[in-house]
Amino acid sequence: QDVFVQMCVSFAEDLLPFINRCLQLLFPHTHIAQ
C-alpha cells in the first residue's frame, strides 16, 4: 500500500507537472494570447 501511495504521489507531483511543462512548451502562453 505504501508503494501504491508513492505511485499516486509520483503521478501527481512528477508526471502531471512534467506533462504541463511539455504542453506549455508546445503551446506558449504568449502565442495563445494572440
Full PDB file with SEQRES, HELIX, SHEET, SSBOND, CRYST1, ORIGX, SCALE, CONECT and MASTER records, all heavy atoms in Angstrom:
SEQRES   1 A   34  GLN ASP VAL PHE VAL GLN MET CYS VAL SER PHE ALA GLU          
SEQRES   2 A   34  ASP LEU LEU PRO PHE ILE ASN ARG CYS LEU GLN LEU LEU          
SEQRES   3 A   34  PHE PRO HIS THR HIS ILE ALA GLN                              
HELIX    1 AA1 ASP A    2  SER A   10  1                                   9    
HELIX    2 AA2 PHE A   11  LEU A   15  3                                   5    
HELIX    3 AA3 LEU A   16  LEU A   26  1                                  11    
HELIX    4 AA4 HIS A   29  ALA A   33  1                                   5    
CRYST1    1.000    1.000    1.000  90.00  90.00  90.00 P 1           1          
ORIGX1      1.000000  0.000000  0.000000        0.00000                         
ORIGX2      0.000000  1.000000  0.000000        0.00000                         
ORIGX3      0.000000  0.000000  1.000000        0.00000                         
SCALE1      1.000000  0.000000  0.000000        0.00000                         
SCALE2      0.000000  1.000000  0.000000        0.00000                         
SCALE3      0.000000  0.000000  1.000000        0.00000                         
ATOM      1  N   GLN A   1       0.827  -1.200   0.000  1.00  0.00           N  
ATOM      2  CA  GLN A   1       0.000   0.000   0.000  1.00  0.00           C  
ATOM      3  C   GLN A   1       0.866   1.257   0.000  1.00  0.00           C  
ATOM      4  O   GLN A   1       0.520   2.257  -0.664  1.00  0.00           O  
ATOM      5  CB  GLN A   1      -0.919  -0.005   1.223  1.00  0.00           C  
ATOM      6  CG  GLN A   1      -2.024  -1.052   1.137  1.00  0.00           C  
ATOM      7  CD  GLN A   1      -2.948  -1.005   2.339  1.00  0.00           C  
ATOM      8  OE1 GLN A   1      -2.776  -0.180   3.261  1.00  0.00           O  
ATOM      9  NE2 GLN A   1      -3.930  -1.935   2.385  1.00  0.00           N  
ATOM     10  N   ASP A   2       2.003   1.203   0.729  1.00  0.00           N  
ATOM     11  CA  ASP A   2       2.899   2.355   0.697  1.00  0.00           C  
ATOM     12  C   ASP A   2       3.457   2.586  -0.706  1.00  0.00           C  
ATOM     13  O   ASP A   2       3.600   3.738  -1.159  1.00  0.00           O  
ATOM     14  CB  ASP A   2       4.040   2.159   1.692  1.00  0.00           C  
ATOM     15  CG  ASP A   2       3.544   2.153   3.139  1.00  0.00           C  
ATOM     16  OD1 ASP A   2       2.440   2.704   3.352  1.00  0.00           O  
ATOM     17  OD2 ASP A   2       4.238   1.601   3.997  1.00  0.00           O  
ATOM     18  N   VAL A   3       3.768   1.499  -1.401  1.00  0.00           N  
ATOM     19  CA  VAL A   3       4.266   1.632  -2.777  1.00  0.00           C  
ATOM     20  C   VAL A   3       3.196   2.242  -3.677  1.00  0.00           C  
ATOM     21  O   VAL A   3       3.469   3.111  -4.525  1.00  0.00           O  
ATOM     22  CB  VAL A   3       4.724   0.261  -3.312  1.00  0.00           C  
ATOM     23  CG1 VAL A   3       5.072   0.354  -4.803  1.00  0.00           C  
ATOM     24  CG2 VAL A   3       5.913  -0.245  -2.536  1.00  0.00           C  
ATOM     25  N   PHE A   4       1.960   1.824  -3.524  1.00  0.00           N  
ATOM     26  CA  PHE A   4       0.876   2.359  -4.353  1.00  0.00           C  
ATOM     27  C   PHE A   4       0.649   3.833  -4.061  1.00  0.00           C  
ATOM     28  O   PHE A   4       0.414   4.634  -4.984  1.00  0.00           O  
ATOM     29  CB  PHE A   4      -0.408   1.556  -4.098  1.00  0.00           C  
ATOM     30  CG  PHE A   4      -1.572   2.023  -4.888  1.00  0.00           C  
ATOM     31  CD1 PHE A   4      -1.669   1.781  -6.263  1.00  0.00           C  
ATOM     32  CD2 PHE A   4      -2.575   2.767  -4.289  1.00  0.00           C  
ATOM     33  CE1 PHE A   4      -2.750   2.252  -6.981  1.00  0.00           C  
ATOM     34  CE2 PHE A   4      -3.651   3.233  -5.005  1.00  0.00           C  
ATOM     35  CZ  PHE A   4      -3.740   2.962  -6.363  1.00  0.00           C  
ATOM     36  N   VAL A   5       0.733   4.192  -2.719  1.00  0.00           N  
ATOM     37  CA  VAL A   5       0.581   5.601  -2.372  1.00  0.00           C  
ATOM     38  C   VAL A   5       1.684   6.425  -3.000  1.00  0.00           C  
ATOM     39  O   VAL A   5       1.476   7.521  -3.524  1.00  0.00           O  
ATOM     40  CB  VAL A   5       0.542   5.765  -0.850  1.00  0.00           C  
ATOM     41  CG1 VAL A   5       0.614   7.239  -0.458  1.00  0.00           C  
ATOM     42  CG2 VAL A   5      -0.714   5.137  -0.280  1.00  0.00           C  
ATOM     43  N   GLN A   6       2.926   5.897  -2.966  1.00  0.00           N  
ATOM     44  CA  GLN A   6       4.040   6.592  -3.586  1.00  0.00           C  
ATOM     45  C   GLN A   6       3.852   6.737  -5.102  1.00  0.00           C  
ATOM     46  O   GLN A   6       4.205   7.748  -5.699  1.00  0.00           O  
ATOM     47  CB  GLN A   6       5.352   5.843  -3.295  1.00  0.00           C  
ATOM     48  CG  GLN A   6       6.582   6.579  -3.773  1.00  0.00           C  
ATOM     49  CD  GLN A   6       6.781   7.893  -3.025  1.00  0.00           C  
ATOM     50  OE1 GLN A   6       6.383   8.015  -1.843  1.00  0.00           O  
ATOM     51  NE2 GLN A   6       7.386   8.864  -3.678  1.00  0.00           N  
ATOM     52  N   MET A   7       3.228   5.726  -5.682  1.00  0.00           N  
ATOM     53  CA  MET A   7       2.932   5.792  -7.126  1.00  0.00           C  
ATOM     54  C   MET A   7       1.945   6.912  -7.428  1.00  0.00           C  
ATOM     55  O   MET A   7       2.121   7.679  -8.401  1.00  0.00           O  
ATOM     56  CB  MET A   7       2.357   4.447  -7.596  1.00  0.00           C  
ATOM     57  CG  MET A   7       1.994   4.390  -9.068  1.00  0.00           C  
ATOM     58  SD  MET A   7       1.336   2.768  -9.509  1.00  0.00           S  
ATOM     59  CE  MET A   7       0.972   3.026 -11.229  1.00  0.00           C  
ATOM     60  N   CYS A   8       0.926   7.052  -6.567  1.00  0.00           N  
ATOM     61  CA  CYS A   8      -0.059   8.122  -6.774  1.00  0.00           C  
ATOM     62  C   CYS A   8       0.588   9.487  -6.556  1.00  0.00           C  
ATOM     63  O   CYS A   8       0.299  10.449  -7.286  1.00  0.00           O  
ATOM     64  CB  CYS A   8      -1.233   7.936  -5.808  1.00  0.00           C  
ATOM     65  SG  CYS A   8      -2.217   6.450  -6.168  1.00  0.00           S  
ATOM     66  N   VAL A   9       1.470   9.579  -5.544  1.00  0.00           N  
ATOM     67  CA  VAL A   9       2.169  10.840  -5.308  1.00  0.00           C  
ATOM     68  C   VAL A   9       3.050  11.191  -6.491  1.00  0.00           C  
ATOM     69  O   VAL A   9       3.106  12.347  -6.939  1.00  0.00           O  
ATOM     70  CB  VAL A   9       2.978  10.756  -4.007  1.00  0.00           C  
ATOM     71  CG1 VAL A   9       3.875  11.987  -3.835  1.00  0.00           C  
ATOM     72  CG2 VAL A   9       2.060  10.617  -2.796  1.00  0.00           C  
ATOM     73  N   SER A  10       3.754  10.224  -7.041  1.00  0.00           N  
ATOM     74  CA  SER A  10       4.606  10.477  -8.206  1.00  0.00           C  
ATOM     75  C   SER A  10       3.777  10.897  -9.411  1.00  0.00           C  
ATOM     76  O   SER A  10       4.196  11.732 -10.220  1.00  0.00           O  
ATOM     77  CB  SER A  10       5.433   9.224  -8.531  1.00  0.00           C  
ATOM     78  OG  SER A  10       6.280   9.474  -9.627  1.00  0.00           O  
ATOM     79  N   PHE A  11       2.581  10.312  -9.563  1.00  0.00           N  
ATOM     80  CA  PHE A  11       1.688  10.699 -10.659  1.00  0.00           C  
ATOM     81  C   PHE A  11       1.275  12.168 -10.534  1.00  0.00           C  
ATOM     82  O   PHE A  11       1.268  12.905 -11.510  1.00  0.00           O  
ATOM     83  CB  PHE A  11       0.446   9.796 -10.650  1.00  0.00           C  
ATOM     84  CG  PHE A  11      -0.632  10.243 -11.600  1.00  0.00           C  
ATOM     85  CD1 PHE A  11      -0.529  10.053 -12.970  1.00  0.00           C  
ATOM     86  CD2 PHE A  11      -1.767  10.877 -11.110  1.00  0.00           C  
ATOM     87  CE1 PHE A  11      -1.512  10.485 -13.823  1.00  0.00           C  
ATOM     88  CE2 PHE A  11      -2.758  11.301 -11.967  1.00  0.00           C  
ATOM     89  CZ  PHE A  11      -2.636  11.108 -13.337  1.00  0.00           C  
ATOM     90  N   ALA A  12       0.982  12.576  -9.273  1.00  0.00           N  
ATOM     91  CA  ALA A  12       0.502  13.938  -9.055  1.00  0.00           C  
ATOM     92  C   ALA A  12       1.631  14.955  -9.058  1.00  0.00           C  
ATOM     93  O   ALA A  12       1.458  16.080  -9.544  1.00  0.00           O  
ATOM     94  CB  ALA A  12      -0.283  14.024  -7.749  1.00  0.00           C  
ATOM     95  N   GLU A  13       2.812  14.588  -8.502  1.00  0.00           N  
ATOM     96  CA  GLU A  13       3.877  15.566  -8.319  1.00  0.00           C  
ATOM     97  C   GLU A  13       4.930  15.540  -9.409  1.00  0.00           C  
ATOM     98  O   GLU A  13       5.653  16.535  -9.582  1.00  0.00           O  
ATOM     99  CB  GLU A  13       4.546  15.357  -6.951  1.00  0.00           C  
ATOM    100  CG  GLU A  13       3.604  15.602  -5.784  1.00  0.00           C  
ATOM    101  CD  GLU A  13       4.287  15.396  -4.441  1.00  0.00           C  
ATOM    102  OE1 GLU A  13       5.475  14.977  -4.470  1.00  0.00           O  
ATOM    103  OE2 GLU A  13       3.657  15.638  -3.397  1.00  0.00           O  
ATOM    104  N   ASP A  14       5.052  14.406 -10.109  1.00  0.00           N  
ATOM    105  CA  ASP A  14       6.087  14.306 -11.151  1.00  0.00           C  
ATOM    106  C   ASP A  14       5.492  14.285 -12.564  1.00  0.00           C  
ATOM    107  O   ASP A  14       5.906  15.042 -13.445  1.00  0.00           O  
ATOM    108  CB  ASP A  14       6.930  13.045 -10.924  1.00  0.00           C  
ATOM    109  CG  ASP A  14       7.704  13.111  -9.617  1.00  0.00           C  
ATOM    110  OD1 ASP A  14       8.056  14.236  -9.213  1.00  0.00           O  
ATOM    111  OD2 ASP A  14       7.937  12.058  -9.020  1.00  0.00           O  
ATOM    112  N   LEU A  15       4.546  13.373 -12.763  1.00  0.00           N  
ATOM    113  CA  LEU A  15       4.046  13.178 -14.135  1.00  0.00           C  
ATOM    114  C   LEU A  15       3.214  14.375 -14.596  1.00  0.00           C  
ATOM    115  O   LEU A  15       3.424  14.888 -15.712  1.00  0.00           O  
ATOM    116  CB  LEU A  15       3.220  11.891 -14.208  1.00  0.00           C  
ATOM    117  CG  LEU A  15       2.793  11.431 -15.617  1.00  0.00           C  
ATOM    118  CD1 LEU A  15       2.858   9.912 -15.716  1.00  0.00           C  
ATOM    119  CD2 LEU A  15       1.379  11.885 -15.926  1.00  0.00           C  
ATOM    120  N   LEU A  16       2.262  14.818 -13.761  1.00  0.00           N  
ATOM    121  CA  LEU A  16       1.391  15.916 -14.183  1.00  0.00           C  
ATOM    122  C   LEU A  16       2.161  17.215 -14.422  1.00  0.00           C  
ATOM    123  O   LEU A  16       1.951  17.884 -15.434  1.00  0.00           O  
ATOM    124  CB  LEU A  16       0.285  16.123 -13.152  1.00  0.00           C  
ATOM    125  CG  LEU A  16      -0.770  15.010 -13.073  1.00  0.00           C  
ATOM    126  CD1 LEU A  16      -1.822  15.337 -12.023  1.00  0.00           C  
ATOM    127  CD2 LEU A  16      -1.436  14.793 -14.420  1.00  0.00           C  
ATOM    128  N   PRO A  17       3.073  17.630 -13.517  1.00  0.00           N  
ATOM    129  CA  PRO A  17       3.835  18.856 -13.817  1.00  0.00           C  
ATOM    130  C   PRO A  17       4.688  18.744 -15.066  1.00  0.00           C  
ATOM    131  O   PRO A  17       4.835  19.707 -15.835  1.00  0.00           O  
ATOM    132  CB  PRO A  17       4.675  19.055 -12.560  1.00  0.00           C  
ATOM    133  CG  PRO A  17       3.919  18.375 -11.475  1.00  0.00           C  
ATOM    134  CD  PRO A  17       3.309  17.172 -12.132  1.00  0.00           C  
ATOM    135  N   PHE A  18       5.263  17.565 -15.282  1.00  0.00           N  
ATOM    136  CA  PHE A  18       6.088  17.393 -16.478  1.00  0.00           C  
ATOM    137  C   PHE A  18       5.243  17.490 -17.756  1.00  0.00           C  
ATOM    138  O   PHE A  18       5.643  18.142 -18.723  1.00  0.00           O  
ATOM    139  CB  PHE A  18       6.819  16.052 -16.410  1.00  0.00           C  
ATOM    140  CG  PHE A  18       7.667  15.777 -17.612  1.00  0.00           C  
ATOM    141  CD1 PHE A  18       8.864  16.433 -17.815  1.00  0.00           C  
ATOM    142  CD2 PHE A  18       7.239  14.874 -18.595  1.00  0.00           C  
ATOM    143  CE1 PHE A  18       9.632  16.191 -18.936  1.00  0.00           C  
ATOM    144  CE2 PHE A  18       8.013  14.632 -19.706  1.00  0.00           C  
ATOM    145  CZ  PHE A  18       9.219  15.288 -19.875  1.00  0.00           C  
ATOM    146  N   ILE A  19       4.082  16.845 -17.728  1.00  0.00           N  
ATOM    147  CA  ILE A  19       3.205  16.938 -18.896  1.00  0.00           C  
ATOM    148  C   ILE A  19       2.758  18.379 -19.108  1.00  0.00           C  
ATOM    149  O   ILE A  19       2.638  18.860 -20.254  1.00  0.00           O  
ATOM    150  CB  ILE A  19       2.009  15.991 -18.732  1.00  0.00           C  
ATOM    151  CG1 ILE A  19       2.469  14.531 -18.843  1.00  0.00           C  
ATOM    152  CG2 ILE A  19       0.936  16.268 -19.770  1.00  0.00           C  
ATOM    153  CD1 ILE A  19       1.385  13.505 -18.664  1.00  0.00           C  
ATOM    154  N   ASN A  20       2.534  19.098 -18.003  1.00  0.00           N  
ATOM    155  CA  ASN A  20       2.139  20.502 -18.118  1.00  0.00           C  
ATOM    156  C   ASN A  20       3.250  21.338 -18.738  1.00  0.00           C  
ATOM    157  O   ASN A  20       2.999  22.223 -19.566  1.00  0.00           O  
ATOM    158  CB  ASN A  20       1.747  21.028 -16.739  1.00  0.00           C  
ATOM    159  CG  ASN A  20       1.120  22.407 -16.825  1.00  0.00           C  
ATOM    160  OD1 ASN A  20       0.423  22.712 -17.785  1.00  0.00           O  
ATOM    161  ND2 ASN A  20       1.384  23.255 -15.848  1.00  0.00           N  
ATOM    162  N   ARG A  21       4.505  21.064 -18.339  1.00  0.00           N  
ATOM    163  CA  ARG A  21       5.612  21.796 -18.952  1.00  0.00           C  
ATOM    164  C   ARG A  21       5.729  21.482 -20.442  1.00  0.00           C  
ATOM    165  O   ARG A  21       6.011  22.368 -21.253  1.00  0.00           O  
ATOM    166  CB  ARG A  21       6.933  21.432 -18.227  1.00  0.00           C  
ATOM    167  CG  ARG A  21       7.026  22.003 -16.819  1.00  0.00           C  
ATOM    168  CD  ARG A  21       8.472  21.952 -16.313  1.00  0.00           C  
ATOM    169  NE  ARG A  21       8.998  20.606 -16.300  1.00  0.00           N  
ATOM    170  CZ  ARG A  21       8.891  19.757 -15.281  1.00  0.00           C  
ATOM    171  NH1 ARG A  21       8.239  20.134 -14.179  1.00  0.00           N  
ATOM    172  NH2 ARG A  21       9.418  18.560 -15.325  1.00  0.00           N  
ATOM    173  N   CYS A  22       5.525  20.203 -20.768  1.00  0.00           N  
ATOM    174  CA  CYS A  22       5.553  19.853 -22.213  1.00  0.00           C  
ATOM    175  C   CYS A  22       4.444  20.575 -22.968  1.00  0.00           C  
ATOM    176  O   CYS A  22       4.645  21.068 -24.087  1.00  0.00           O  
ATOM    177  CB  CYS A  22       5.407  18.341 -22.373  1.00  0.00           C  
ATOM    178  SG  CYS A  22       6.801  17.384 -21.741  1.00  0.00           S  
ATOM    179  N   LEU A  23       3.270  20.638 -22.365  1.00  0.00           N  
ATOM    180  CA  LEU A  23       2.160  21.305 -23.020  1.00  0.00           C  
ATOM    181  C   LEU A  23       2.417  22.798 -23.184  1.00  0.00           C  
ATOM    182  O   LEU A  23       2.113  23.383 -24.230  1.00  0.00           O  
ATOM    183  CB  LEU A  23       0.884  21.067 -22.204  1.00  0.00           C  
ATOM    184  CG  LEU A  23      -0.432  21.538 -22.842  1.00  0.00           C  
ATOM    185  CD1 LEU A  23      -0.681  20.789 -24.143  1.00  0.00           C  
ATOM    186  CD2 LEU A  23      -1.589  21.312 -21.884  1.00  0.00           C  
ATOM    187  N   GLN A  24       3.017  23.422 -22.158  1.00  0.00           N  
ATOM    188  CA  GLN A  24       3.344  24.847 -22.271  1.00  0.00           C  
ATOM    189  C   GLN A  24       4.430  25.099 -23.298  1.00  0.00           C  
ATOM    190  O   GLN A  24       4.476  26.162 -23.936  1.00  0.00           O  
ATOM    191  CB  GLN A  24       3.783  25.376 -20.896  1.00  0.00           C  
ATOM    192  CG  GLN A  24       2.672  25.418 -19.862  1.00  0.00           C  
ATOM    193  CD  GLN A  24       3.153  25.898 -18.521  1.00  0.00           C  
ATOM    194  OE1 GLN A  24       4.333  26.236 -18.345  1.00  0.00           O  
ATOM    195  NE2 GLN A  24       2.258  25.915 -17.534  1.00  0.00           N  
ATOM    196  N   LEU A  25       5.317  24.112 -23.455  1.00  0.00           N  
ATOM    197  CA  LEU A  25       6.352  24.263 -24.458  1.00  0.00           C  
ATOM    198  C   LEU A  25       5.766  24.180 -25.877  1.00  0.00           C  
ATOM    199  O   LEU A  25       6.188  24.906 -26.786  1.00  0.00           O  
ATOM    200  CB  LEU A  25       7.417  23.190 -24.269  1.00  0.00           C  
ATOM    201  CG  LEU A  25       8.650  23.288 -25.173  1.00  0.00           C  
ATOM    202  CD1 LEU A  25       9.392  24.590 -24.928  1.00  0.00           C  
ATOM    203  CD2 LEU A  25       9.567  22.095 -24.943  1.00  0.00           C  
ATOM    204  N   LEU A  26       4.782  23.293 -26.049  1.00  0.00           N  
ATOM    205  CA  LEU A  26       4.152  23.181 -27.357  1.00  0.00           C  
ATOM    206  C   LEU A  26       3.244  24.370 -27.659  1.00  0.00           C  
ATOM    207  O   LEU A  26       3.145  24.818 -28.814  1.00  0.00           O  
ATOM    208  CB  LEU A  26       3.340  21.882 -27.444  1.00  0.00           C  
ATOM    209  CG  LEU A  26       4.135  20.577 -27.465  1.00  0.00           C  
ATOM    210  CD1 LEU A  26       3.209  19.377 -27.414  1.00  0.00           C  
ATOM    211  CD2 LEU A  26       5.015  20.493 -28.709  1.00  0.00           C  
ATOM    212  N   PHE A  27       2.581  24.867 -26.649  1.00  0.00           N  
ATOM    213  CA  PHE A  27       1.638  25.964 -26.825  1.00  0.00           C  
ATOM    214  C   PHE A  27       2.017  27.093 -25.867  1.00  0.00           C  
ATOM    215  O   PHE A  27       1.483  27.166 -24.746  1.00  0.00           O  
ATOM    216  CB  PHE A  27       0.196  25.505 -26.546  1.00  0.00           C  
ATOM    217  CG  PHE A  27      -0.244  24.376 -27.423  1.00  0.00           C  
ATOM    218  CD1 PHE A  27      -0.213  23.062 -26.959  1.00  0.00           C  
ATOM    219  CD2 PHE A  27      -0.664  24.612 -28.715  1.00  0.00           C  
ATOM    220  CE1 PHE A  27      -0.624  22.018 -27.763  1.00  0.00           C  
ATOM    221  CE2 PHE A  27      -1.073  23.565 -29.524  1.00  0.00           C  
ATOM    222  CZ  PHE A  27      -1.044  22.257 -29.059  1.00  0.00           C  
ATOM    223  N   PRO A  28       2.959  27.959 -26.255  1.00  0.00           N  
ATOM    224  CA  PRO A  28       3.369  29.058 -25.366  1.00  0.00           C  
ATOM    225  C   PRO A  28       2.196  29.995 -25.060  1.00  0.00           C  
ATOM    226  O   PRO A  28       1.332  30.235 -25.906  1.00  0.00           O  
ATOM    227  CB  PRO A  28       4.465  29.773 -26.161  1.00  0.00           C  
ATOM    228  CG  PRO A  28       4.935  28.764 -27.158  1.00  0.00           C  
ATOM    229  CD  PRO A  28       3.753  27.924 -27.485  1.00  0.00           C  
ATOM    230  N   HIS A  29       2.212  30.524 -23.847  1.00  0.00           N  
ATOM    231  CA  HIS A  29       1.107  31.395 -23.449  1.00  0.00           C  
ATOM    232  C   HIS A  29       1.071  32.678 -24.272  1.00  0.00           C  
ATOM    233  O   HIS A  29      -0.012  33.221 -24.538  1.00  0.00           O  
ATOM    234  CB  HIS A  29       1.241  31.740 -21.951  1.00  0.00           C  
ATOM    235  CG  HIS A  29       1.082  30.537 -21.061  1.00  0.00           C  
ATOM    236  ND1 HIS A  29      -0.086  29.822 -20.984  1.00  0.00           N  
ATOM    237  CD2 HIS A  29       1.961  29.922 -20.201  1.00  0.00           C  
ATOM    238  CE1 HIS A  29       0.037  28.822 -20.129  1.00  0.00           C  
ATOM    239  NE2 HIS A  29       1.290  28.860 -19.638  1.00  0.00           N  
ATOM    240  N   THR A  30       2.229  33.146 -24.696  1.00  0.00           N  
ATOM    241  CA  THR A  30       2.242  34.398 -25.476  1.00  0.00           C  
ATOM    242  C   THR A  30       1.537  34.236 -26.815  1.00  0.00           C  
ATOM    243  O   THR A  30       0.763  35.097 -27.238  1.00  0.00           O  
ATOM    244  CB  THR A  30       3.692  34.829 -25.702  1.00  0.00           C  
ATOM    245  OG1 THR A  30       4.412  33.768 -26.344  1.00  0.00           O  
ATOM    246  CG2 THR A  30       4.366  35.161 -24.372  1.00  0.00           C  
ATOM    247  N   HIS A  31       1.807  33.100 -27.464  1.00  0.00           N  
ATOM    248  CA  HIS A  31       1.160  32.853 -28.754  1.00  0.00           C  
ATOM    249  C   HIS A  31      -0.320  32.558 -28.580  1.00  0.00           C  
ATOM    250  O   HIS A  31      -1.148  32.970 -29.403  1.00  0.00           O  
ATOM    251  CB  HIS A  31       1.847  31.704 -29.471  1.00  0.00           C  
ATOM    252  CG  HIS A  31       3.233  32.048 -29.933  1.00  0.00           C  
ATOM    253  ND1 HIS A  31       4.110  31.100 -30.420  1.00  0.00           N  
ATOM    254  CD2 HIS A  31       3.902  33.225 -29.966  1.00  0.00           C  
ATOM    255  CE1 HIS A  31       5.259  31.694 -30.737  1.00  0.00           C  
ATOM    256  NE2 HIS A  31       5.148  32.995 -30.459  1.00  0.00           N  
ATOM    257  N   ILE A  32      -0.664  31.838 -27.534  1.00  0.00           N  
ATOM    258  CA  ILE A  32      -2.079  31.537 -27.298  1.00  0.00           C  
ATOM    259  C   ILE A  32      -2.848  32.814 -26.992  1.00  0.00           C  
ATOM    260  O   ILE A  32      -4.003  32.990 -27.405  1.00  0.00           O  
ATOM    261  CB  ILE A  32      -2.219  30.510 -26.161  1.00  0.00           C  
ATOM    262  CG1 ILE A  32      -1.630  29.164 -26.613  1.00  0.00           C  
ATOM    263  CG2 ILE A  32      -3.683  30.340 -25.764  1.00  0.00           C  
ATOM    264  CD1 ILE A  32      -1.652  28.099 -25.555  1.00  0.00           C  
ATOM    265  N   ALA A  33      -2.210  33.742 -26.301  1.00  0.00           N  
ATOM    266  CA  ALA A  33      -2.871  35.012 -26.007  1.00  0.00           C  
ATOM    267  C   ALA A  33      -3.161  35.789 -27.297  1.00  0.00           C  
ATOM    268  O   ALA A  33      -4.169  36.486 -27.403  1.00  0.00           O  
ATOM    269  CB  ALA A  33      -1.994  35.844 -25.077  1.00  0.00           C  
ATOM    270  N   GLN A  34      -2.266  35.666 -28.284  1.00  0.00           N  
ATOM    271  CA  GLN A  34      -2.503  36.344 -29.558  1.00  0.00           C  
ATOM    272  C   GLN A  34      -3.698  35.756 -30.307  1.00  0.00           C  
ATOM    273  O   GLN A  34      -4.353  36.438 -31.077  1.00  0.00           O  
ATOM    274  CB  GLN A  34      -1.259  36.269 -30.438  1.00  0.00           C  
ATOM    275  CG  GLN A  34      -0.059  37.022 -29.867  1.00  0.00           C  
ATOM    276  CD  GLN A  34       1.174  36.845 -30.732  1.00  0.00           C  
ATOM    277  OE1 GLN A  34       1.108  36.255 -31.799  1.00  0.00           O  
ATOM    278  NE2 GLN A  34       2.306  37.354 -30.267  1.00  0.00           N  
TER     279      GLN A  34                                                      
MASTER        0    0    0    4    0    0    0    6  278    1    0    3          
END                                                                             
